[in-house]
């Protein structure tokens, strides 16, 4: 993983962001100590929203809060 000082990050922000967009991770340092890490954005939220949208096309909304007259056998 690449590391970069805060001052260098300020001077090269767009280049660093383009590298991160391509999959790189960057450790940001201040006075030689790591203070933050920049990583590519996680796309899992967008994937989950897309899946929920797909499911909503076929899902049926039912009452899930009312009790039913069926006894369940719970494992201890």
PDB file of N, CA and C in Angstrom:
ATOM      1  N   UNK A   1       0.847  -1.172   0.000  1.00  0.00           N
ATOM      2  CA  UNK A   1       0.000   0.000   0.000  1.00  0.00           C
ATOM      3  C   UNK A   1       0.892   1.234   0.000  1.00  0.00           C
ATOM      4  N   UNK A   2       0.516   2.156  -0.830  1.00  0.00           N
ATOM      5  CA  UNK A   2       1.240   3.411  -0.959  1.00  0.00           C
ATOM      6  C   UNK A   2       0.916   4.312   0.234  1.00  0.00           C
ATOM      7  N   UNK A   3       1.879   5.108   0.675  1.00  0.00           N
ATOM      8  CA  UNK A   3       1.597   6.105   1.710  1.00  0.00           C
ATOM      9  C   UNK A   3       1.964   7.482   1.167  1.00  0.00           C
ATOM     10  N   UNK A   4       1.268   8.489   1.683  1.00  0.00           N
ATOM     11  CA  UNK A   4       1.486   9.848   1.215  1.00  0.00           C
ATOM     12  C   UNK A   4       1.283  10.817   2.377  1.00  0.00           C
ATOM     13  N   UNK A   5       2.127  11.827   2.444  1.00  0.00           N
ATOM     14  CA  UNK A   5       1.996  12.851   3.484  1.00  0.00           C
ATOM     15  C   UNK A   5       0.817  13.759   3.150  1.00  0.00           C
ATOM     16  N   UNK A   6       0.224  14.335   4.178  1.00  0.00           N
ATOM     17  CA  UNK A   6      -0.924  15.225   3.993  1.00  0.00           C
ATOM     18  C   UNK A   6      -0.587  16.344   3.017  1.00  0.00           C
ATOM     19  N   UNK A   7       0.592  16.928   3.136  1.00  0.00           N
ATOM     20  CA  UNK A   7       0.971  18.033   2.240  1.00  0.00           C
ATOM     21  C   UNK A   7       1.051  17.567   0.791  1.00  0.00           C
ATOM     22  N   UNK A   8       1.584  16.364   0.546  1.00  0.00           N
ATOM     23  CA  UNK A   8       1.639  15.829  -0.817  1.00  0.00           C
ATOM     24  C   UNK A   8       0.240  15.482  -1.330  1.00  0.00           C
ATOM     25  N   UNK A   9      -0.615  15.012  -0.432  1.00  0.00           N
ATOM     26  CA  UNK A   9      -1.991  14.705  -0.818  1.00  0.00           C
ATOM     27  C   UNK A   9      -2.702  15.968  -1.303  1.00  0.00           C
ATOM     28  N   UNK A  10      -2.515  17.061  -0.577  1.00  0.00           N
ATOM     29  CA  UNK A  10      -3.134  18.330  -0.988  1.00  0.00           C
ATOM     30  C   UNK A  10      -2.681  18.733  -2.389  1.00  0.00           C
ATOM     31  N   UNK A  11      -1.405  18.563  -2.636  1.00  0.00           N
ATOM     32  CA  UNK A  11      -0.842  18.985  -3.919  1.00  0.00           C
ATOM     33  C   UNK A  11      -1.244  18.053  -5.069  1.00  0.00           C
ATOM     34  N   UNK A  12      -1.550  16.803  -4.767  1.00  0.00           N
ATOM     35  CA  UNK A  12      -1.813  15.809  -5.812  1.00  0.00           C
ATOM     36  C   UNK A  12      -3.149  15.104  -5.637  1.00  0.00           C
ATOM     37  N   UNK A  13      -4.116  15.778  -5.075  1.00  0.00           N
ATOM     38  CA  UNK A  13      -5.382  15.130  -4.713  1.00  0.00           C
ATOM     39  C   UNK A  13      -6.053  14.436  -5.894  1.00  0.00           C
ATOM     40  N   UNK A  14      -6.182  15.085  -7.027  1.00  0.00           N
ATOM     41  CA  UNK A  14      -6.881  14.485  -8.165  1.00  0.00           C
ATOM     42  C   UNK A  14      -6.169  13.232  -8.669  1.00  0.00           C
ATOM     43  N   UNK A  15      -4.849  13.263  -8.719  1.00  0.00           N
ATOM     44  CA  UNK A  15      -4.091  12.088  -9.154  1.00  0.00           C
ATOM     45  C   UNK A  15      -4.303  10.932  -8.179  1.00  0.00           C
ATOM     46  N   UNK A  16      -4.243  11.231  -6.887  1.00  0.00           N
ATOM     47  CA  UNK A  16      -4.426  10.200  -5.867  1.00  0.00           C
ATOM     48  C   UNK A  16      -5.835   9.618  -5.954  1.00  0.00           C
ATOM     49  N   UNK A  17      -6.833  10.463  -6.129  1.00  0.00           N
ATOM     50  CA  UNK A  17      -8.212   9.977  -6.242  1.00  0.00           C
ATOM     51  C   UNK A  17      -8.403   9.095  -7.472  1.00  0.00           C
ATOM     52  N   UNK A  18      -7.760   9.433  -8.565  1.00  0.00           N
ATOM     53  CA  UNK A  18      -7.848   8.599  -9.773  1.00  0.00           C
ATOM     54  C   UNK A  18      -7.213   7.233  -9.529  1.00  0.00           C
ATOM     55  N   UNK A  19      -6.090   7.205  -8.799  1.00  0.00           N
ATOM     56  CA  UNK A  19      -5.449   5.931  -8.465  1.00  0.00           C
ATOM     57  C   UNK A  19      -6.366   5.078  -7.578  1.00  0.00           C
ATOM     58  N   UNK A  20      -7.008   5.717  -6.623  1.00  0.00           N
ATOM     59  CA  UNK A  20      -7.922   4.999  -5.721  1.00  0.00           C
ATOM     60  C   UNK A  20      -9.115   4.471  -6.504  1.00  0.00           C
ATOM     61  N   UNK A  21      -9.609   5.264  -7.430  1.00  0.00           N
ATOM     62  CA  UNK A  21     -10.737   4.853  -8.258  1.00  0.00           C
ATOM     63  C   UNK A  21     -10.395   3.594  -9.057  1.00  0.00           C
ATOM     64  N   UNK A  22      -9.120   3.433  -9.394  1.00  0.00           N
ATOM     65  CA  UNK A  22      -8.662   2.257 -10.136  1.00  0.00           C
ATOM     66  C   UNK A  22      -8.402   1.065  -9.229  1.00  0.00           C
ATOM     67  N   UNK A  23      -8.556   1.245  -7.904  1.00  0.00           N
ATOM     68  CA  UNK A  23      -8.395   0.116  -6.979  1.00  0.00           C
ATOM     69  C   UNK A  23      -7.262   0.227  -5.985  1.00  0.00           C
ATOM     70  N   UNK A  24      -6.448   1.256  -6.073  1.00  0.00           N
ATOM     71  CA  UNK A  24      -5.336   1.425  -5.130  1.00  0.00           C
ATOM     72  C   UNK A  24      -5.848   1.877  -3.763  1.00  0.00           C
ATOM     73  N   UNK A  25      -5.072   1.597  -2.738  1.00  0.00           N
ATOM     74  CA  UNK A  25      -5.328   2.113  -1.389  1.00  0.00           C
ATOM     75  C   UNK A  25      -4.152   2.994  -0.997  1.00  0.00           C
ATOM     76  N   UNK A  26      -4.430   4.045  -0.245  1.00  0.00           N
ATOM     77  CA  UNK A  26      -3.383   4.994   0.130  1.00  0.00           C
ATOM     78  C   UNK A  26      -3.462   5.277   1.623  1.00  0.00           C
ATOM     79  N   UNK A  27      -2.330   5.150   2.310  1.00  0.00           N
ATOM     80  CA  UNK A  27      -2.228   5.516   3.719  1.00  0.00           C
ATOM     81  C   UNK A  27      -1.779   6.973   3.784  1.00  0.00           C
ATOM     82  N   UNK A  28      -2.526   7.783   4.526  1.00  0.00           N
ATOM     83  CA  UNK A  28      -2.186   9.198   4.669  1.00  0.00           C
ATOM     84  C   UNK A  28      -1.423   9.362   5.968  1.00  0.00           C
ATOM     85  N   UNK A  29      -0.294  10.068   5.896  1.00  0.00           N
ATOM     86  CA  UNK A  29       0.530  10.262   7.078  1.00  0.00           C
ATOM     87  C   UNK A  29       0.633  11.738   7.428  1.00  0.00           C
ATOM     88  N   UNK A  30       0.812  11.982   8.708  1.00  0.00           N
ATOM     89  CA  UNK A  30       1.061  13.327   9.199  1.00  0.00           C
ATOM     90  C   UNK A  30       2.235  13.242  10.161  1.00  0.00           C
ATOM     91  N   UNK A  31       3.308  13.939   9.826  1.00  0.00           N
ATOM     92  CA  UNK A  31       4.544  13.908  10.625  1.00  0.00           C
ATOM     93  C   UNK A  31       5.051  12.487  10.809  1.00  0.00           C
ATOM     94  N   UNK A  32       4.900  11.682   9.747  1.00  0.00           N
ATOM     95  CA  UNK A  32       5.428  10.322   9.755  1.00  0.00           C
ATOM     96  C   UNK A  32       4.528   9.269  10.371  1.00  0.00           C
ATOM     97  N   UNK A  33       3.396   9.663  10.907  1.00  0.00           N
ATOM     98  CA  UNK A  33       2.479   8.699  11.525  1.00  0.00           C
ATOM     99  C   UNK A  33       1.222   8.557  10.670  1.00  0.00           C
ATOM    100  N   UNK A  34       0.766   7.322  10.526  1.00  0.00           N
ATOM    101  CA  UNK A  34      -0.451   7.061   9.753  1.00  0.00           C
ATOM    102  C   UNK A  34      -1.649   7.656  10.484  1.00  0.00           C
ATOM    103  N   UNK A  35      -2.476   8.402   9.739  1.00  0.00           N
ATOM    104  CA  UNK A  35      -3.660   9.024  10.344  1.00  0.00           C
ATOM    105  C   UNK A  35      -4.959   8.603   9.665  1.00  0.00           C
ATOM    106  N   UNK A  36      -4.866   8.127   8.424  1.00  0.00           N
ATOM    107  CA  UNK A  36      -6.083   7.720   7.706  1.00  0.00           C
ATOM    108  C   UNK A  36      -5.694   6.827   6.544  1.00  0.00           C
ATOM    109  N   UNK A  37      -6.702   6.115   6.042  1.00  0.00           N
ATOM    110  CA  UNK A  37      -6.491   5.281   4.865  1.00  0.00           C
ATOM    111  C   UNK A  37      -7.616   5.561   3.872  1.00  0.00           C
ATOM    112  N   UNK A  38      -7.253   5.831   2.632  1.00  0.00           N
ATOM    113  CA  UNK A  38      -8.235   6.008   1.565  1.00  0.00           C
ATOM    114  C   UNK A  38      -8.302   4.714   0.769  1.00  0.00           C
ATOM    115  N   UNK A  39      -9.510   4.204   0.611  1.00  0.00           N
ATOM    116  CA  UNK A  39      -9.715   2.963  -0.129  1.00  0.00           C
ATOM    117  C   UNK A  39     -10.827   3.186  -1.147  1.00  0.00           C
ATOM    118  N   UNK A  40     -10.913   2.342  -2.169  1.00  0.00           N
ATOM    119  CA  UNK A  40     -11.995   2.496  -3.148  1.00  0.00           C
ATOM    120  C   UNK A  40     -13.355   2.369  -2.478  1.00  0.00           C
ATOM    121  N   UNK A  41     -14.327   3.084  -3.008  1.00  0.00           N
ATOM    122  CA  UNK A  41     -15.687   3.035  -2.474  1.00  0.00           C
ATOM    123  C   UNK A  41     -16.243   1.626  -2.624  1.00  0.00           C
ATOM    124  N   UNK A  42     -17.016   1.210  -1.639  1.00  0.00           N
ATOM    125  CA  UNK A  42     -17.638  -0.105  -1.648  1.00  0.00           C
ATOM    126  C   UNK A  42     -18.933  -0.034  -2.448  1.00  0.00           C
ATOM    127  N   UNK A  43     -19.084  -0.903  -3.393  1.00  0.00           N
ATOM    128  CA  UNK A  43     -20.260  -0.902  -4.250  1.00  0.00           C
ATOM    129  C   UNK A  43     -21.359  -1.811  -3.711  1.00  0.00           C
ATOM    130  N   UNK A  44     -21.186  -2.406  -2.529  1.00  0.00           N
ATOM    131  CA  UNK A  44     -22.164  -3.371  -2.036  1.00  0.00           C
ATOM    132  C   UNK A  44     -23.527  -2.730  -1.757  1.00  0.00           C
ATOM    133  N   UNK A  45     -23.549  -1.459  -1.372  1.00  0.00           N
ATOM    134  CA  UNK A  45     -24.832  -0.797  -1.121  1.00  0.00           C
ATOM    135  C   UNK A  45     -25.613  -0.677  -2.425  1.00  0.00           C
ATOM    136  N   UNK A  46     -24.935  -0.285  -3.493  1.00  0.00           N
ATOM    137  CA  UNK A  46     -25.617  -0.176  -4.785  1.00  0.00           C
ATOM    138  C   UNK A  46     -26.106  -1.541  -5.256  1.00  0.00           C
ATOM    139  N   UNK A  47     -25.298  -2.578  -5.037  1.00  0.00           N
ATOM    140  CA  UNK A  47     -25.707  -3.924  -5.430  1.00  0.00           C
ATOM    141  C   UNK A  47     -26.926  -4.368  -4.630  1.00  0.00           C
ATOM    142  N   UNK A  48     -26.933  -4.059  -3.338  1.00  0.00           N
ATOM    143  CA  UNK A  48     -28.063  -4.437  -2.488  1.00  0.00           C
ATOM    144  C   UNK A  48     -29.330  -3.702  -2.908  1.00  0.00           C
ATOM    145  N   UNK A  49     -29.214  -2.422  -3.209  1.00  0.00           N
ATOM    146  CA  UNK A  49     -30.378  -1.650  -3.658  1.00  0.00           C
ATOM    147  C   UNK A  49     -30.928  -2.214  -4.967  1.00  0.00           C
ATOM    148  N   UNK A  50     -30.051  -2.605  -5.865  1.00  0.00           N
ATOM    149  CA  UNK A  50     -30.486  -3.181  -7.133  1.00  0.00           C
ATOM    150  C   UNK A  50     -31.217  -4.503  -6.898  1.00  0.00           C
ATOM    151  N   UNK A  51     -30.686  -5.332  -6.000  1.00  0.00           N
ATOM    152  CA  UNK A  51     -31.315  -6.617  -5.696  1.00  0.00           C
ATOM    153  C   UNK A  51     -32.688  -6.411  -5.056  1.00  0.00           C
ATOM    154  N   UNK A  52     -32.798  -5.457  -4.144  1.00  0.00           N
ATOM    155  CA  UNK A  52     -34.090  -5.172  -3.506  1.00  0.00           C
ATOM    156  C   UNK A  52     -35.096  -4.687  -4.544  1.00  0.00           C
ATOM    157  N   UNK A  53     -34.650  -3.865  -5.470  1.00  0.00           N
ATOM    158  CA  UNK A  53     -35.538  -3.398  -6.530  1.00  0.00           C
ATOM    159  C   UNK A  53     -36.034  -4.571  -7.370  1.00  0.00           C
ATOM    160  N   UNK A  54     -35.144  -5.506  -7.690  1.00  0.00           N
ATOM    161  CA  UNK A  54     -35.535  -6.694  -8.448  1.00  0.00           C
ATOM    162  C   UNK A  54     -36.553  -7.523  -7.666  1.00  0.00           C
ATOM    163  N   UNK A  55     -36.294  -7.716  -6.374  1.00  0.00           N
ATOM    164  CA  UNK A  55     -37.199  -8.503  -5.539  1.00  0.00           C
ATOM    165  C   UNK A  55     -38.553  -7.831  -5.374  1.00  0.00           C
ATOM    166  N   UNK A  56     -38.558  -6.514  -5.340  1.00  0.00           N
ATOM    167  CA  UNK A  56     -39.817  -5.796  -5.135  1.00  0.00           C
ATOM    168  C   UNK A  56     -40.793  -5.988  -6.288  1.00  0.00           C
ATOM    169  N   UNK A  57     -40.299  -6.390  -7.436  1.00  0.00           N
ATOM    170  CA  UNK A  57     -41.165  -6.615  -8.593  1.00  0.00           C
ATOM    171  C   UNK A  57     -42.010  -7.872  -8.434  1.00  0.00           C
ATOM    172  N   UNK A  58     -41.530  -8.843  -7.634  1.00  0.00           N
ATOM    173  CA  UNK A  58     -42.249 -10.110  -7.484  1.00  0.00           C
ATOM    174  C   UNK A  58     -42.670 -10.399  -6.048  1.00  0.00           C
ATOM    175  N   UNK A  59     -42.217  -9.600  -5.104  1.00  0.00           N
ATOM    176  CA  UNK A  59     -42.512  -9.856  -3.693  1.00  0.00           C
ATOM    177  C   UNK A  59     -43.972  -9.554  -3.380  1.00  0.00           C
ATOM    178  N   UNK A  60     -44.516 -10.296  -2.416  1.00  0.00           N
ATOM    179  CA  UNK A  60     -45.877 -10.057  -1.944  1.00  0.00           C
ATOM    180  C   UNK A  60     -45.789  -9.584  -0.506  1.00  0.00           C
ATOM    181  N   UNK A  61     -46.464  -8.520  -0.202  1.00  0.00           N
ATOM    182  CA  UNK A  61     -46.451  -7.981   1.148  1.00  0.00           C
ATOM    183  C   UNK A  61     -47.551  -8.656   1.942  1.00  0.00           C
ATOM    184  N   UNK A  62     -47.177  -9.243   3.064  1.00  0.00           N
ATOM    185  CA  UNK A  62     -48.113  -9.948   3.929  1.00  0.00           C
ATOM    186  C   UNK A  62     -47.967  -9.417   5.352  1.00  0.00           C
ATOM    187  N   UNK A  63     -48.915  -9.777   6.199  1.00  0.00           N
ATOM    188  CA  UNK A  63     -48.857  -9.420   7.609  1.00  0.00           C
ATOM    189  C   UNK A  63     -47.851 -10.341   8.292  1.00  0.00           C
ATOM    190  N   UNK A  64     -46.735  -9.799   8.738  1.00  0.00           N
ATOM    191  CA  UNK A  64     -45.715 -10.625   9.383  1.00  0.00           C
ATOM    192  C   UNK A  64     -45.682 -10.429  10.893  1.00  0.00           C
ATOM    193  N   UNK A  65     -46.559  -9.588  11.430  1.00  0.00           N
ATOM    194  CA  UNK A  65     -46.530  -9.299  12.859  1.00  0.00           C
ATOM    195  C   UNK A  65     -47.581 -10.061  13.654  1.00  0.00           C
ATOM    196  N   UNK A  66     -48.688 -10.376  13.031  1.00  0.00           N
ATOM    197  CA  UNK A  66     -49.755 -11.072  13.751  1.00  0.00           C
ATOM    198  C   UNK A  66     -49.343 -12.509  14.046  1.00  0.00           C
ATOM    199  N   UNK A  67     -49.707 -13.012  15.236  1.00  0.00           N
ATOM    200  CA  UNK A  67     -49.363 -14.402  15.580  1.00  0.00           C
ATOM    201  C   UNK A  67     -50.147 -15.383  14.706  1.00  0.00           C
ATOM    202  N   UNK A  68     -49.559 -16.544  14.548  1.00  0.00           N
ATOM    203  CA  UNK A  68     -50.241 -17.598  13.807  1.00  0.00           C
ATOM    204  C   UNK A  68     -50.610 -18.714  14.771  1.00  0.00           C
ATOM    205  N   UNK A  69     -51.510 -19.582  14.366  1.00  0.00           N
ATOM    206  CA  UNK A  69     -51.968 -20.677  15.227  1.00  0.00           C
ATOM    207  C   UNK A  69     -51.129 -21.931  15.035  1.00  0.00           C
ATOM    208  N   UNK A  70     -49.858 -21.756  14.823  1.00  0.00           N
ATOM    209  CA  UNK A  70     -48.973 -22.883  14.594  1.00  0.00           C
ATOM    210  C   UNK A  70     -47.894 -22.878  15.660  1.00  0.00           C
ATOM    211  N   UNK A  71     -47.703 -24.006  16.343  1.00  0.00           N
ATOM    212  CA  UNK A  71     -46.652 -24.110  17.363  1.00  0.00           C
ATOM    213  C   UNK A  71     -45.351 -24.503  16.695  1.00  0.00           C
ATOM    214  N   UNK A  72     -44.320 -23.825  17.070  1.00  0.00           N
ATOM    215  CA  UNK A  72     -42.991 -24.127  16.518  1.00  0.00           C
ATOM    216  C   UNK A  72     -42.178 -24.850  17.561  1.00  0.00           C
ATOM    217  N   UNK A  73     -41.382 -25.795  17.109  1.00  0.00           N
ATOM    218  CA  UNK A  73     -40.520 -26.550  17.992  1.00  0.00           C
ATOM    219  C   UNK A  73     -39.117 -25.909  17.929  1.00  0.00           C
ATOM    220  N   UNK A  74     -38.733 -25.293  19.030  1.00  0.00           N
ATOM    221  CA  UNK A  74     -37.439 -24.605  19.060  1.00  0.00           C
ATOM    222  C   UNK A  74     -36.355 -25.548  19.565  1.00  0.00           C
ATOM    223  N   UNK A  75     -35.193 -25.449  18.958  1.00  0.00           N
ATOM    224  CA  UNK A  75     -34.051 -26.226  19.424  1.00  0.00           C
ATOM    225  C   UNK A  75     -33.416 -25.550  20.612  1.00  0.00           C
ATOM    226  N   UNK A  76     -33.110 -26.319  21.638  1.00  0.00           N
ATOM    227  CA  UNK A  76     -32.450 -25.756  22.839  1.00  0.00           C
ATOM    228  C   UNK A  76     -30.985 -25.872  22.729  1.00  0.00           C
TER     229      UNK A  76
END
